[in-house]
């Protein structure tokens, strides 16, 4: 119980503090940078900045034509594990209770069987993503420790959570402690690694949409 007490006490408290502080720092450091005013004249008929931002985000939710045959797999597989992670995080009853304890928000959970199935599919999808990264020559060249560490710290909470729910490998208390420690590690790494794209993607795609739409570019 000492390991579990540490995991759900000091470890999680520190991890949450680092997560909130790190994400806030990254976003503020970006948003408070000096913004150069675009002096170009907008093309006739170009949409408003808000409309262009939303359009840019939506257009980049799928692979543009002409980007080869492997990209669609990456996009589909990406949707699979992102949706799977969302089901696991926000659909599991114990996770909802945890969120309620912090933010006071609650909603009905999904049956454990459905969440477990989503976790298995998510693990398979994450494994497929890793195999593709290890075997694709281009991805091999552009991948670094950040990519592999982000993958590992995303996968571990899913794996350890599934083991804890299934009571496989050790006592439930030990499995739960390991699961919570893996979540703490994920939260600490989140603001400083490529997982931060979960927040930055909205800003970058919106900016791209505004930039191109102002110039009459359709992508």
N, C-alpha and C. Protein backbone atom coordinates (compact mmCIF):
# COMPACT_ATOMS: atom_id res chain seq x y z
N UNK A 1 0.81 -1.20 0.00
CA UNK A 1 0.00 0.00 0.00
C UNK A 1 0.85 1.26 0.00
N UNK A 2 2.11 1.19 0.48
CA UNK A 2 2.95 2.37 0.50
C UNK A 2 3.22 2.88 -0.91
N UNK A 3 3.47 1.96 -1.85
CA UNK A 3 3.69 2.37 -3.23
C UNK A 3 2.44 3.00 -3.81
N UNK A 4 1.28 2.42 -3.51
CA UNK A 4 0.03 2.96 -4.01
C UNK A 4 -0.25 4.33 -3.40
N UNK A 5 0.02 4.48 -2.11
CA UNK A 5 -0.18 5.78 -1.46
C UNK A 5 0.71 6.84 -2.08
N UNK A 6 1.94 6.47 -2.39
CA UNK A 6 2.85 7.42 -3.04
C UNK A 6 2.37 7.77 -4.45
N UNK A 7 1.90 6.74 -5.18
CA UNK A 7 1.49 6.95 -6.56
C UNK A 7 0.27 7.87 -6.65
N UNK A 8 -0.72 7.64 -5.80
CA UNK A 8 -1.94 8.45 -5.89
C UNK A 8 -1.89 9.69 -5.01
N UNK A 9 -0.75 9.89 -4.33
CA UNK A 9 -0.57 11.07 -3.50
C UNK A 9 0.47 12.01 -4.08
N UNK A 10 1.69 12.01 -3.51
CA UNK A 10 2.73 12.94 -3.96
C UNK A 10 3.06 12.84 -5.45
N UNK A 11 3.16 11.63 -5.98
CA UNK A 11 3.55 11.47 -7.40
C UNK A 11 2.53 12.13 -8.32
N UNK A 12 1.26 11.87 -8.07
CA UNK A 12 0.22 12.44 -8.92
C UNK A 12 0.07 13.94 -8.71
N UNK A 13 0.25 14.40 -7.48
CA UNK A 13 0.17 15.84 -7.21
C UNK A 13 1.27 16.60 -7.95
N UNK A 14 2.49 16.09 -7.88
CA UNK A 14 3.61 16.73 -8.58
C UNK A 14 3.39 16.68 -10.09
N UNK A 15 2.92 15.53 -10.58
CA UNK A 15 2.70 15.38 -12.02
C UNK A 15 1.64 16.37 -12.52
N UNK A 16 0.57 16.53 -11.78
CA UNK A 16 -0.48 17.46 -12.18
C UNK A 16 0.03 18.89 -12.17
N UNK A 17 0.84 19.23 -11.16
CA UNK A 17 1.39 20.58 -11.09
C UNK A 17 2.31 20.86 -12.27
N UNK A 18 3.16 19.88 -12.61
CA UNK A 18 4.06 20.05 -13.76
C UNK A 18 3.27 20.14 -15.05
N UNK A 19 2.25 19.31 -15.18
CA UNK A 19 1.42 19.31 -16.39
C UNK A 19 0.73 20.66 -16.59
N UNK A 20 0.04 21.12 -15.58
CA UNK A 20 -0.69 22.39 -15.70
C UNK A 20 0.28 23.55 -15.90
N UNK A 21 1.35 23.59 -15.09
CA UNK A 21 2.32 24.66 -15.23
C UNK A 21 3.05 24.62 -16.57
N UNK A 22 3.44 23.42 -17.01
CA UNK A 22 4.16 23.28 -18.26
C UNK A 22 3.32 23.64 -19.47
N UNK A 23 2.07 23.16 -19.51
CA UNK A 23 1.19 23.47 -20.63
C UNK A 23 0.89 24.97 -20.66
N UNK A 24 0.61 25.56 -19.51
CA UNK A 24 0.34 27.00 -19.45
C UNK A 24 1.55 27.80 -19.93
N UNK A 25 2.74 27.39 -19.49
CA UNK A 25 3.96 28.08 -19.89
C UNK A 25 4.18 27.99 -21.40
N UNK A 26 3.99 26.80 -21.97
CA UNK A 26 4.19 26.62 -23.41
C UNK A 26 3.21 27.48 -24.21
N UNK A 27 1.94 27.47 -23.79
CA UNK A 27 0.93 28.23 -24.53
C UNK A 27 1.14 29.73 -24.39
N UNK A 28 1.41 30.19 -23.18
CA UNK A 28 1.61 31.62 -22.96
C UNK A 28 2.87 32.12 -23.66
N UNK A 29 3.93 31.32 -23.62
CA UNK A 29 5.18 31.74 -24.27
C UNK A 29 4.99 31.85 -25.78
N UNK A 30 4.04 31.10 -26.33
CA UNK A 30 3.76 31.19 -27.76
C UNK A 30 2.81 32.34 -28.07
N UNK A 31 1.75 32.46 -27.30
CA UNK A 31 0.73 33.48 -27.58
C UNK A 31 1.21 34.89 -27.27
N UNK A 32 2.16 35.03 -26.36
CA UNK A 32 2.65 36.35 -25.98
C UNK A 32 3.82 36.82 -26.82
N UNK A 33 4.25 36.01 -27.78
CA UNK A 33 5.30 36.45 -28.69
C UNK A 33 4.80 37.62 -29.55
N UNK A 34 5.69 38.53 -29.97
CA UNK A 34 5.26 39.61 -30.86
C UNK A 34 4.72 39.05 -32.17
N UNK A 35 3.57 39.53 -32.57
CA UNK A 35 2.94 39.06 -33.80
C UNK A 35 3.13 40.12 -34.88
N UNK A 36 3.77 39.74 -35.97
CA UNK A 36 3.97 40.66 -37.08
C UNK A 36 2.64 40.85 -37.81
N UNK A 37 2.29 42.09 -38.07
CA UNK A 37 1.05 42.39 -38.76
C UNK A 37 1.19 42.04 -40.23
N UNK A 38 0.21 41.33 -40.76
CA UNK A 38 0.22 40.95 -42.17
C UNK A 38 -0.23 42.16 -43.00
N UNK A 39 0.71 42.75 -43.74
CA UNK A 39 0.41 43.95 -44.51
C UNK A 39 -0.11 43.65 -45.91
N UNK A 40 -0.18 42.39 -46.28
CA UNK A 40 -0.64 42.03 -47.62
C UNK A 40 -2.14 42.29 -47.74
N UNK A 41 -2.57 42.54 -48.97
CA UNK A 41 -3.99 42.78 -49.23
C UNK A 41 -4.69 41.44 -49.43
N UNK A 42 -5.75 41.18 -48.67
CA UNK A 42 -6.45 39.89 -48.82
C UNK A 42 -7.02 39.75 -50.23
N UNK A 43 -6.98 38.53 -50.75
CA UNK A 43 -7.60 38.27 -52.04
C UNK A 43 -9.10 38.51 -51.97
N UNK A 44 -9.67 38.94 -53.06
CA UNK A 44 -11.11 39.17 -53.11
C UNK A 44 -11.86 37.87 -52.82
N UNK A 45 -12.82 37.97 -51.95
CA UNK A 45 -13.62 36.79 -51.62
C UNK A 45 -13.01 35.89 -50.58
N UNK A 46 -11.86 36.27 -50.02
CA UNK A 46 -11.24 35.44 -48.98
C UNK A 46 -12.11 35.46 -47.72
N UNK A 47 -12.22 34.34 -47.03
CA UNK A 47 -13.10 34.27 -45.85
C UNK A 47 -12.54 35.06 -44.68
N UNK A 48 -13.36 35.24 -43.66
CA UNK A 48 -12.92 35.91 -42.45
C UNK A 48 -11.86 35.05 -41.75
N UNK A 49 -11.03 35.66 -40.90
CA UNK A 49 -10.00 34.88 -40.20
C UNK A 49 -10.57 33.70 -39.42
N UNK A 50 -11.70 33.90 -38.74
CA UNK A 50 -12.29 32.80 -37.98
C UNK A 50 -12.73 31.66 -38.88
N UNK A 51 -13.38 32.02 -39.98
CA UNK A 51 -13.83 30.99 -40.93
C UNK A 51 -12.64 30.28 -41.56
N UNK A 52 -11.59 31.04 -41.88
CA UNK A 52 -10.40 30.44 -42.46
C UNK A 52 -9.70 29.52 -41.47
N UNK A 53 -9.69 29.91 -40.20
CA UNK A 53 -9.05 29.08 -39.17
C UNK A 53 -9.77 27.75 -39.02
N UNK A 54 -11.11 27.80 -38.96
CA UNK A 54 -11.89 26.56 -38.84
C UNK A 54 -11.73 25.71 -40.09
N UNK A 55 -11.78 26.36 -41.25
CA UNK A 55 -11.62 25.62 -42.50
C UNK A 55 -10.27 24.96 -42.62
N UNK A 56 -9.22 25.67 -42.19
CA UNK A 56 -7.88 25.10 -42.24
C UNK A 56 -7.75 23.89 -41.34
N UNK A 57 -8.38 23.95 -40.18
CA UNK A 57 -8.32 22.80 -39.27
C UNK A 57 -9.04 21.60 -39.86
N UNK A 58 -10.23 21.83 -40.44
CA UNK A 58 -11.01 20.73 -41.00
C UNK A 58 -10.31 20.12 -42.21
N UNK A 59 -9.74 20.96 -43.07
CA UNK A 59 -9.10 20.45 -44.29
C UNK A 59 -7.92 19.54 -43.97
N UNK A 60 -7.25 19.81 -42.85
CA UNK A 60 -6.07 19.01 -42.51
C UNK A 60 -6.42 17.76 -41.70
N UNK A 61 -7.69 17.45 -41.61
CA UNK A 61 -8.09 16.23 -40.89
C UNK A 61 -7.98 15.00 -41.78
N UNK A 62 -7.63 15.20 -43.05
CA UNK A 62 -7.42 14.08 -43.95
C UNK A 62 -6.25 14.39 -44.86
N UNK A 63 -5.70 13.36 -45.49
CA UNK A 63 -4.51 13.53 -46.33
C UNK A 63 -4.90 14.14 -47.67
N UNK A 64 -4.26 15.23 -48.09
CA UNK A 64 -4.53 15.79 -49.42
C UNK A 64 -4.16 14.78 -50.52
N UNK A 65 -4.78 14.92 -51.66
CA UNK A 65 -4.51 14.03 -52.78
C UNK A 65 -3.06 14.19 -53.24
N UNK A 66 -2.48 13.07 -53.66
CA UNK A 66 -1.13 13.12 -54.19
C UNK A 66 -0.03 12.92 -53.17
N UNK A 67 -0.41 12.52 -51.94
CA UNK A 67 0.61 12.32 -50.91
C UNK A 67 0.98 10.85 -50.73
N UNK A 68 0.74 10.04 -51.73
CA UNK A 68 1.18 8.65 -51.67
C UNK A 68 0.15 7.73 -51.04
N UNK A 69 0.49 6.44 -51.00
CA UNK A 69 -0.44 5.43 -50.51
C UNK A 69 -0.26 5.09 -49.04
N UNK A 70 0.86 5.47 -48.44
CA UNK A 70 1.08 5.09 -47.04
C UNK A 70 0.45 6.10 -46.08
N UNK A 71 0.32 7.34 -46.49
CA UNK A 71 -0.23 8.36 -45.61
C UNK A 71 -1.65 8.06 -45.14
N UNK A 72 -2.56 7.59 -46.01
CA UNK A 72 -3.90 7.27 -45.51
C UNK A 72 -3.89 6.27 -44.37
N UNK A 73 -3.00 5.27 -44.41
CA UNK A 73 -2.91 4.32 -43.30
C UNK A 73 -2.53 5.04 -42.02
N UNK A 74 -1.56 5.94 -42.12
CA UNK A 74 -1.11 6.66 -40.93
C UNK A 74 -2.24 7.49 -40.35
N UNK A 75 -3.03 8.12 -41.22
CA UNK A 75 -4.14 8.95 -40.75
C UNK A 75 -5.21 8.09 -40.09
N UNK A 76 -5.61 7.01 -40.77
CA UNK A 76 -6.64 6.13 -40.21
C UNK A 76 -6.18 5.54 -38.89
N UNK A 77 -4.94 5.06 -38.86
CA UNK A 77 -4.41 4.47 -37.63
C UNK A 77 -4.31 5.52 -36.53
N UNK A 78 -3.98 6.74 -36.91
CA UNK A 78 -3.94 7.82 -35.93
C UNK A 78 -5.30 8.09 -35.32
N UNK A 79 -6.33 8.09 -36.16
CA UNK A 79 -7.68 8.26 -35.64
C UNK A 79 -8.06 7.11 -34.71
N UNK A 80 -7.65 5.91 -35.06
CA UNK A 80 -8.01 4.74 -34.25
C UNK A 80 -7.47 4.88 -32.84
N UNK A 81 -6.17 5.17 -32.69
CA UNK A 81 -5.65 5.21 -31.32
C UNK A 81 -6.01 6.50 -30.59
N UNK A 82 -6.27 7.59 -31.33
CA UNK A 82 -6.73 8.79 -30.64
C UNK A 82 -8.15 8.61 -30.10
N UNK A 83 -9.02 8.04 -30.91
CA UNK A 83 -10.39 7.78 -30.45
C UNK A 83 -10.37 6.73 -29.35
N UNK A 84 -9.52 5.71 -29.51
CA UNK A 84 -9.41 4.69 -28.47
C UNK A 84 -8.95 5.27 -27.15
N UNK A 85 -7.96 6.15 -27.19
CA UNK A 85 -7.48 6.79 -25.96
C UNK A 85 -8.59 7.63 -25.32
N UNK A 86 -9.37 8.31 -26.14
CA UNK A 86 -10.46 9.13 -25.61
C UNK A 86 -11.50 8.25 -24.91
N UNK A 87 -11.81 7.10 -25.50
CA UNK A 87 -12.77 6.18 -24.88
C UNK A 87 -12.24 5.67 -23.55
N UNK A 88 -10.97 5.30 -23.53
CA UNK A 88 -10.38 4.76 -22.30
C UNK A 88 -10.32 5.82 -21.21
N UNK A 89 -9.89 7.03 -21.56
CA UNK A 89 -9.71 8.07 -20.56
C UNK A 89 -11.05 8.60 -20.05
N UNK A 90 -11.98 8.85 -20.98
CA UNK A 90 -13.22 9.52 -20.59
C UNK A 90 -14.42 8.59 -20.48
N UNK A 91 -14.23 7.30 -20.79
CA UNK A 91 -15.35 6.37 -20.71
C UNK A 91 -15.30 5.43 -19.53
N UNK A 92 -14.12 5.26 -18.92
CA UNK A 92 -13.96 4.32 -17.80
C UNK A 92 -14.49 4.96 -16.52
N UNK A 93 -15.30 4.24 -15.79
CA UNK A 93 -15.98 4.79 -14.62
C UNK A 93 -15.00 5.33 -13.58
N UNK A 94 -13.91 4.57 -13.32
CA UNK A 94 -12.93 5.02 -12.33
C UNK A 94 -12.22 6.30 -12.77
N UNK A 95 -12.00 6.45 -14.07
CA UNK A 95 -11.40 7.68 -14.57
C UNK A 95 -12.34 8.86 -14.39
N UNK A 96 -13.62 8.61 -14.62
CA UNK A 96 -14.61 9.67 -14.46
C UNK A 96 -14.68 10.13 -13.00
N UNK A 97 -14.60 9.18 -12.08
CA UNK A 97 -14.58 9.53 -10.66
C UNK A 97 -13.33 10.36 -10.32
N UNK A 98 -12.21 10.00 -10.93
CA UNK A 98 -10.98 10.76 -10.70
C UNK A 98 -11.12 12.19 -11.21
N UNK A 99 -11.69 12.34 -12.42
CA UNK A 99 -11.89 13.67 -12.98
C UNK A 99 -12.89 14.47 -12.15
N UNK A 100 -13.91 13.79 -11.66
CA UNK A 100 -14.90 14.46 -10.82
C UNK A 100 -14.26 14.98 -9.54
N UNK A 101 -13.32 14.20 -8.98
CA UNK A 101 -12.66 14.63 -7.75
C UNK A 101 -11.81 15.87 -7.93
N UNK A 102 -11.33 16.11 -9.17
CA UNK A 102 -10.48 17.28 -9.45
C UNK A 102 -11.29 18.47 -9.94
N UNK A 103 -12.17 18.21 -10.92
CA UNK A 103 -12.88 19.32 -11.57
C UNK A 103 -14.36 19.40 -11.20
N UNK A 104 -14.89 18.37 -10.52
CA UNK A 104 -16.30 18.37 -10.19
C UNK A 104 -17.22 18.01 -11.34
N UNK A 105 -16.64 17.53 -12.44
CA UNK A 105 -17.43 17.16 -13.62
C UNK A 105 -17.65 15.65 -13.65
N UNK A 106 -18.83 15.25 -14.10
CA UNK A 106 -19.14 13.82 -14.13
C UNK A 106 -20.10 13.53 -15.27
N UNK A 107 -20.06 12.31 -15.78
CA UNK A 107 -20.94 11.86 -16.84
C UNK A 107 -21.01 10.34 -16.77
N UNK A 108 -22.00 9.72 -17.40
CA UNK A 108 -22.14 8.25 -17.35
C UNK A 108 -20.94 7.56 -18.00
N UNK A 109 -20.47 6.50 -17.38
CA UNK A 109 -19.37 5.73 -17.92
C UNK A 109 -19.84 4.64 -18.85
N UNK A 110 -18.89 4.07 -19.58
CA UNK A 110 -19.18 2.95 -20.48
C UNK A 110 -18.97 1.63 -19.75
N UNK A 111 -19.58 0.56 -20.23
CA UNK A 111 -19.32 -0.76 -19.63
C UNK A 111 -17.83 -1.11 -19.68
N UNK A 112 -17.36 -1.79 -18.66
CA UNK A 112 -15.93 -2.13 -18.58
C UNK A 112 -15.47 -2.93 -19.79
N UNK A 113 -16.33 -3.82 -20.29
CA UNK A 113 -15.97 -4.62 -21.45
C UNK A 113 -15.67 -3.78 -22.67
N UNK A 114 -16.47 -2.74 -22.88
CA UNK A 114 -16.26 -1.86 -24.04
C UNK A 114 -14.96 -1.08 -23.87
N UNK A 115 -14.71 -0.59 -22.68
CA UNK A 115 -13.48 0.16 -22.43
C UNK A 115 -12.27 -0.75 -22.60
N UNK A 116 -12.36 -1.99 -22.10
CA UNK A 116 -11.25 -2.93 -22.25
C UNK A 116 -10.99 -3.24 -23.71
N UNK A 117 -12.06 -3.41 -24.49
CA UNK A 117 -11.90 -3.65 -25.93
C UNK A 117 -11.23 -2.46 -26.60
N UNK A 118 -11.65 -1.26 -26.21
CA UNK A 118 -11.03 -0.05 -26.77
C UNK A 118 -9.56 0.01 -26.41
N UNK A 119 -9.21 -0.41 -25.20
CA UNK A 119 -7.81 -0.40 -24.78
C UNK A 119 -6.99 -1.39 -25.61
N UNK A 120 -7.55 -2.56 -25.87
CA UNK A 120 -6.84 -3.57 -26.67
C UNK A 120 -6.62 -3.06 -28.10
N UNK A 121 -7.67 -2.48 -28.69
CA UNK A 121 -7.56 -1.94 -30.05
C UNK A 121 -6.54 -0.80 -30.08
N UNK A 122 -6.55 0.03 -29.03
CA UNK A 122 -5.60 1.14 -28.95
C UNK A 122 -4.17 0.64 -28.87
N UNK A 123 -3.94 -0.40 -28.07
CA UNK A 123 -2.60 -0.99 -27.98
C UNK A 123 -2.15 -1.54 -29.33
N UNK A 124 -3.05 -2.22 -30.02
CA UNK A 124 -2.71 -2.76 -31.34
C UNK A 124 -2.39 -1.63 -32.32
N UNK A 125 -3.16 -0.55 -32.25
CA UNK A 125 -2.94 0.58 -33.14
C UNK A 125 -1.62 1.28 -32.84
N UNK A 126 -1.33 1.47 -31.56
CA UNK A 126 -0.05 2.09 -31.17
C UNK A 126 1.13 1.22 -31.59
N UNK A 127 0.97 -0.10 -31.47
CA UNK A 127 2.03 -1.01 -31.91
C UNK A 127 2.24 -0.91 -33.41
N UNK A 128 1.14 -0.82 -34.17
CA UNK A 128 1.26 -0.67 -35.62
C UNK A 128 1.97 0.64 -35.98
N UNK A 129 1.68 1.69 -35.22
CA UNK A 129 2.34 2.98 -35.46
C UNK A 129 3.85 2.86 -35.21
N UNK A 130 4.22 2.14 -34.16
CA UNK A 130 5.64 1.95 -33.86
C UNK A 130 6.33 1.13 -34.93
N UNK A 131 5.69 0.06 -35.36
CA UNK A 131 6.27 -0.80 -36.41
C UNK A 131 6.49 0.01 -37.69
N UNK A 132 5.51 0.83 -38.03
CA UNK A 132 5.65 1.67 -39.23
C UNK A 132 6.81 2.65 -39.08
N UNK A 133 6.96 3.22 -37.90
CA UNK A 133 8.05 4.16 -37.66
C UNK A 133 9.41 3.45 -37.75
N UNK A 134 9.47 2.21 -37.30
CA UNK A 134 10.73 1.47 -37.31
C UNK A 134 11.09 0.92 -38.68
N UNK A 135 10.09 0.74 -39.54
CA UNK A 135 10.35 0.10 -40.83
C UNK A 135 10.30 1.05 -42.02
N UNK A 136 9.70 2.22 -41.84
CA UNK A 136 9.64 3.18 -42.92
C UNK A 136 10.94 3.98 -42.98
N UNK A 137 11.66 3.95 -44.11
CA UNK A 137 12.97 4.61 -44.20
C UNK A 137 12.91 6.11 -43.87
N UNK A 138 11.87 6.78 -44.34
CA UNK A 138 11.76 8.22 -44.09
C UNK A 138 11.52 8.49 -42.61
N UNK A 139 10.60 7.72 -42.00
CA UNK A 139 10.32 7.91 -40.59
C UNK A 139 11.53 7.57 -39.72
N UNK A 140 12.31 6.60 -40.17
CA UNK A 140 13.53 6.27 -39.43
C UNK A 140 14.47 7.46 -39.37
N UNK A 141 14.56 8.19 -40.47
CA UNK A 141 15.48 9.32 -40.54
C UNK A 141 15.02 10.49 -39.68
N UNK A 142 13.71 10.73 -39.62
CA UNK A 142 13.22 11.92 -38.92
C UNK A 142 12.82 11.63 -37.47
N UNK A 143 12.85 10.37 -37.06
CA UNK A 143 12.46 10.03 -35.69
C UNK A 143 13.65 10.19 -34.74
N UNK A 144 13.35 10.65 -33.54
CA UNK A 144 14.40 10.79 -32.52
C UNK A 144 13.88 10.25 -31.19
N UNK A 145 14.65 10.47 -30.13
CA UNK A 145 14.28 9.96 -28.82
C UNK A 145 12.94 10.51 -28.35
N UNK A 146 12.65 11.75 -28.74
CA UNK A 146 11.37 12.37 -28.37
C UNK A 146 10.20 11.54 -28.87
N UNK A 147 10.29 11.08 -30.12
CA UNK A 147 9.20 10.29 -30.70
C UNK A 147 9.01 8.97 -29.95
N UNK A 148 10.09 8.27 -29.69
CA UNK A 148 9.98 6.96 -29.05
C UNK A 148 9.58 7.07 -27.58
N UNK A 149 10.08 8.09 -26.90
CA UNK A 149 9.70 8.27 -25.50
C UNK A 149 8.23 8.67 -25.39
N UNK A 150 7.79 9.53 -26.30
CA UNK A 150 6.38 9.92 -26.30
C UNK A 150 5.49 8.71 -26.57
N UNK A 151 5.92 7.86 -27.49
CA UNK A 151 5.15 6.64 -27.77
C UNK A 151 5.09 5.75 -26.53
N UNK A 152 6.23 5.53 -25.89
CA UNK A 152 6.28 4.64 -24.73
C UNK A 152 5.44 5.17 -23.58
N UNK A 153 5.50 6.47 -23.32
CA UNK A 153 4.77 7.04 -22.20
C UNK A 153 3.28 7.14 -22.49
N UNK A 154 2.89 7.08 -23.75
CA UNK A 154 1.48 7.00 -24.11
C UNK A 154 0.96 5.57 -23.99
N UNK A 155 1.80 4.62 -24.35
CA UNK A 155 1.39 3.22 -24.37
C UNK A 155 1.34 2.61 -22.97
N UNK A 156 2.29 2.97 -22.12
CA UNK A 156 2.37 2.35 -20.79
C UNK A 156 1.10 2.49 -19.96
N UNK A 157 0.49 3.68 -19.87
CA UNK A 157 -0.74 3.78 -19.08
C UNK A 157 -1.86 2.89 -19.61
N UNK A 158 -1.95 2.75 -20.93
CA UNK A 158 -2.98 1.88 -21.50
C UNK A 158 -2.70 0.42 -21.14
N UNK A 159 -1.45 0.01 -21.29
CA UNK A 159 -1.08 -1.38 -20.98
C UNK A 159 -1.25 -1.69 -19.50
N UNK A 160 -0.72 -0.82 -18.64
CA UNK A 160 -0.80 -1.08 -17.20
C UNK A 160 -2.23 -0.99 -16.69
N UNK A 161 -3.02 -0.10 -17.28
CA UNK A 161 -4.42 -0.01 -16.89
C UNK A 161 -5.19 -1.26 -17.26
N UNK A 162 -4.90 -1.79 -18.45
CA UNK A 162 -5.56 -3.02 -18.88
C UNK A 162 -5.16 -4.19 -17.99
N UNK A 163 -3.88 -4.26 -17.61
CA UNK A 163 -3.42 -5.31 -16.70
C UNK A 163 -4.08 -5.19 -15.33
N UNK A 164 -4.25 -3.94 -14.86
CA UNK A 164 -4.87 -3.74 -13.55
C UNK A 164 -6.33 -4.16 -13.56
N UNK A 165 -7.04 -3.79 -14.61
CA UNK A 165 -8.46 -4.17 -14.70
C UNK A 165 -8.60 -5.68 -14.81
N UNK A 166 -7.65 -6.32 -15.50
CA UNK A 166 -7.72 -7.77 -15.70
C UNK A 166 -7.08 -8.56 -14.56
N UNK A 167 -6.44 -7.87 -13.60
CA UNK A 167 -5.76 -8.51 -12.46
C UNK A 167 -4.71 -9.51 -12.95
N UNK A 168 -3.90 -9.08 -13.91
CA UNK A 168 -2.89 -9.95 -14.49
C UNK A 168 -1.49 -9.48 -14.11
N UNK A 169 -0.66 -10.40 -13.60
CA UNK A 169 0.75 -10.12 -13.38
C UNK A 169 1.17 -9.83 -11.97
N UNK A 170 0.28 -9.31 -11.15
CA UNK A 170 0.64 -8.97 -9.78
C UNK A 170 -0.63 -8.67 -9.00
N UNK A 171 -0.47 -8.32 -7.72
CA UNK A 171 -1.61 -7.92 -6.92
C UNK A 171 -2.24 -6.66 -7.51
N UNK A 172 -3.55 -6.53 -7.34
CA UNK A 172 -4.25 -5.40 -7.92
C UNK A 172 -3.68 -4.08 -7.43
N UNK A 173 -3.36 -3.99 -6.13
CA UNK A 173 -2.84 -2.74 -5.58
C UNK A 173 -1.52 -2.35 -6.24
N UNK A 174 -0.67 -3.38 -6.49
CA UNK A 174 0.62 -3.11 -7.14
C UNK A 174 0.41 -2.66 -8.58
N UNK A 175 -0.48 -3.34 -9.29
CA UNK A 175 -0.77 -2.97 -10.68
C UNK A 175 -1.35 -1.57 -10.76
N UNK A 176 -2.24 -1.24 -9.83
CA UNK A 176 -2.84 0.08 -9.83
C UNK A 176 -1.79 1.16 -9.56
N UNK A 177 -0.87 0.87 -8.63
CA UNK A 177 0.19 1.83 -8.33
C UNK A 177 1.08 2.05 -9.56
N UNK A 178 1.43 0.97 -10.24
CA UNK A 178 2.27 1.09 -11.45
C UNK A 178 1.53 1.88 -12.52
N UNK A 179 0.24 1.61 -12.65
CA UNK A 179 -0.57 2.35 -13.63
C UNK A 179 -0.57 3.84 -13.32
N UNK A 180 -0.77 4.19 -12.07
CA UNK A 180 -0.82 5.60 -11.70
C UNK A 180 0.54 6.27 -11.84
N UNK A 181 1.60 5.54 -11.58
CA UNK A 181 2.94 6.09 -11.79
C UNK A 181 3.22 6.31 -13.27
N UNK A 182 2.72 5.42 -14.12
CA UNK A 182 2.90 5.61 -15.56
C UNK A 182 2.11 6.83 -16.04
N UNK A 183 0.94 7.05 -15.46
CA UNK A 183 0.15 8.24 -15.79
C UNK A 183 0.89 9.50 -15.33
N UNK A 184 1.48 9.44 -14.14
CA UNK A 184 2.25 10.58 -13.63
C UNK A 184 3.42 10.90 -14.56
N UNK A 185 4.11 9.87 -15.02
CA UNK A 185 5.24 10.08 -15.94
C UNK A 185 4.76 10.72 -17.24
N UNK A 186 3.61 10.27 -17.73
CA UNK A 186 3.04 10.85 -18.95
C UNK A 186 2.72 12.33 -18.76
N UNK A 187 2.11 12.67 -17.63
CA UNK A 187 1.74 14.06 -17.37
C UNK A 187 2.98 14.95 -17.25
N UNK A 188 4.03 14.45 -16.63
CA UNK A 188 5.25 15.24 -16.48
C UNK A 188 5.92 15.48 -17.83
N UNK A 189 5.94 14.48 -18.69
CA UNK A 189 6.59 14.61 -19.99
C UNK A 189 5.76 15.42 -20.97
N UNK A 190 4.45 15.40 -20.82
CA UNK A 190 3.51 15.94 -21.79
C UNK A 190 3.88 17.35 -22.29
N UNK A 191 4.11 18.33 -21.42
CA UNK A 191 4.34 19.69 -21.91
C UNK A 191 5.66 19.88 -22.64
N UNK A 192 6.60 18.96 -22.46
CA UNK A 192 7.95 19.16 -22.96
C UNK A 192 8.28 18.30 -24.17
N UNK A 193 7.40 17.38 -24.53
CA UNK A 193 7.64 16.51 -25.67
C UNK A 193 6.65 16.77 -26.79
N UNK A 194 6.62 15.88 -27.74
CA UNK A 194 5.75 16.05 -28.91
C UNK A 194 4.28 15.81 -28.60
N UNK A 195 3.99 15.29 -27.42
CA UNK A 195 2.59 15.13 -27.03
C UNK A 195 1.89 16.47 -26.89
N UNK A 196 2.66 17.54 -26.76
CA UNK A 196 2.09 18.88 -26.64
C UNK A 196 1.30 19.25 -27.89
N UNK A 197 1.46 18.49 -28.97
CA UNK A 197 0.69 18.77 -30.18
C UNK A 197 -0.80 18.67 -29.94
N UNK A 198 -1.22 17.99 -28.87
CA UNK A 198 -2.63 17.90 -28.55
C UNK A 198 -3.24 19.28 -28.32
N UNK A 199 -2.44 20.24 -27.87
CA UNK A 199 -2.88 21.62 -27.71
C UNK A 199 -2.45 22.50 -28.89
N UNK A 200 -1.23 22.31 -29.33
CA UNK A 200 -0.68 23.19 -30.37
C UNK A 200 -1.31 22.97 -31.73
N UNK A 201 -1.88 21.80 -31.98
CA UNK A 201 -2.44 21.52 -33.30
C UNK A 201 -3.55 22.50 -33.65
N UNK A 202 -4.30 22.95 -32.65
CA UNK A 202 -5.38 23.89 -32.94
C UNK A 202 -4.83 25.24 -33.39
N UNK A 203 -3.74 25.67 -32.78
CA UNK A 203 -3.14 26.95 -33.14
C UNK A 203 -2.45 26.89 -34.49
N UNK A 204 -1.67 25.83 -34.71
CA UNK A 204 -0.89 25.75 -35.95
C UNK A 204 -1.79 25.58 -37.18
N UNK A 205 -2.80 24.73 -37.08
CA UNK A 205 -3.69 24.53 -38.23
C UNK A 205 -4.53 25.76 -38.49
N UNK A 206 -4.96 26.44 -37.43
CA UNK A 206 -5.74 27.66 -37.61
C UNK A 206 -4.89 28.73 -38.30
N UNK A 207 -3.63 28.88 -37.85
CA UNK A 207 -2.75 29.88 -38.45
C UNK A 207 -2.49 29.56 -39.92
N UNK A 208 -2.28 28.28 -40.23
CA UNK A 208 -2.06 27.89 -41.62
C UNK A 208 -3.27 28.20 -42.48
N UNK A 209 -4.47 27.90 -41.94
CA UNK A 209 -5.70 28.19 -42.68
C UNK A 209 -5.86 29.67 -42.96
N UNK A 210 -5.56 30.51 -41.99
CA UNK A 210 -5.67 31.96 -42.17
C UNK A 210 -4.65 32.45 -43.19
N UNK A 211 -3.43 31.95 -43.08
CA UNK A 211 -2.34 32.39 -43.96
C UNK A 211 -2.67 32.11 -45.42
N UNK A 212 -3.09 30.87 -45.71
CA UNK A 212 -3.34 30.49 -47.10
C UNK A 212 -4.64 31.07 -47.64
N UNK A 213 -5.67 31.12 -46.80
CA UNK A 213 -6.95 31.64 -47.27
C UNK A 213 -6.84 33.13 -47.61
N UNK A 214 -6.05 33.87 -46.87
CA UNK A 214 -5.86 35.30 -47.15
C UNK A 214 -5.24 35.52 -48.52
N UNK A 215 -4.47 34.52 -48.97
CA UNK A 215 -3.80 34.62 -50.26
C UNK A 215 -4.56 33.89 -51.36
N UNK A 216 -5.73 33.40 -51.04
CA UNK A 216 -6.56 32.75 -52.06
C UNK A 216 -6.15 31.33 -52.38
N UNK A 217 -5.35 30.72 -51.54
CA UNK A 217 -4.89 29.36 -51.76
C UNK A 217 -5.92 28.37 -51.23
N UNK A 218 -6.26 27.39 -52.02
CA UNK A 218 -7.18 26.35 -51.59
C UNK A 218 -6.40 25.05 -51.47
N UNK A 219 -6.40 24.45 -50.25
CA UNK A 219 -5.66 23.22 -50.04
C UNK A 219 -6.57 22.17 -49.46
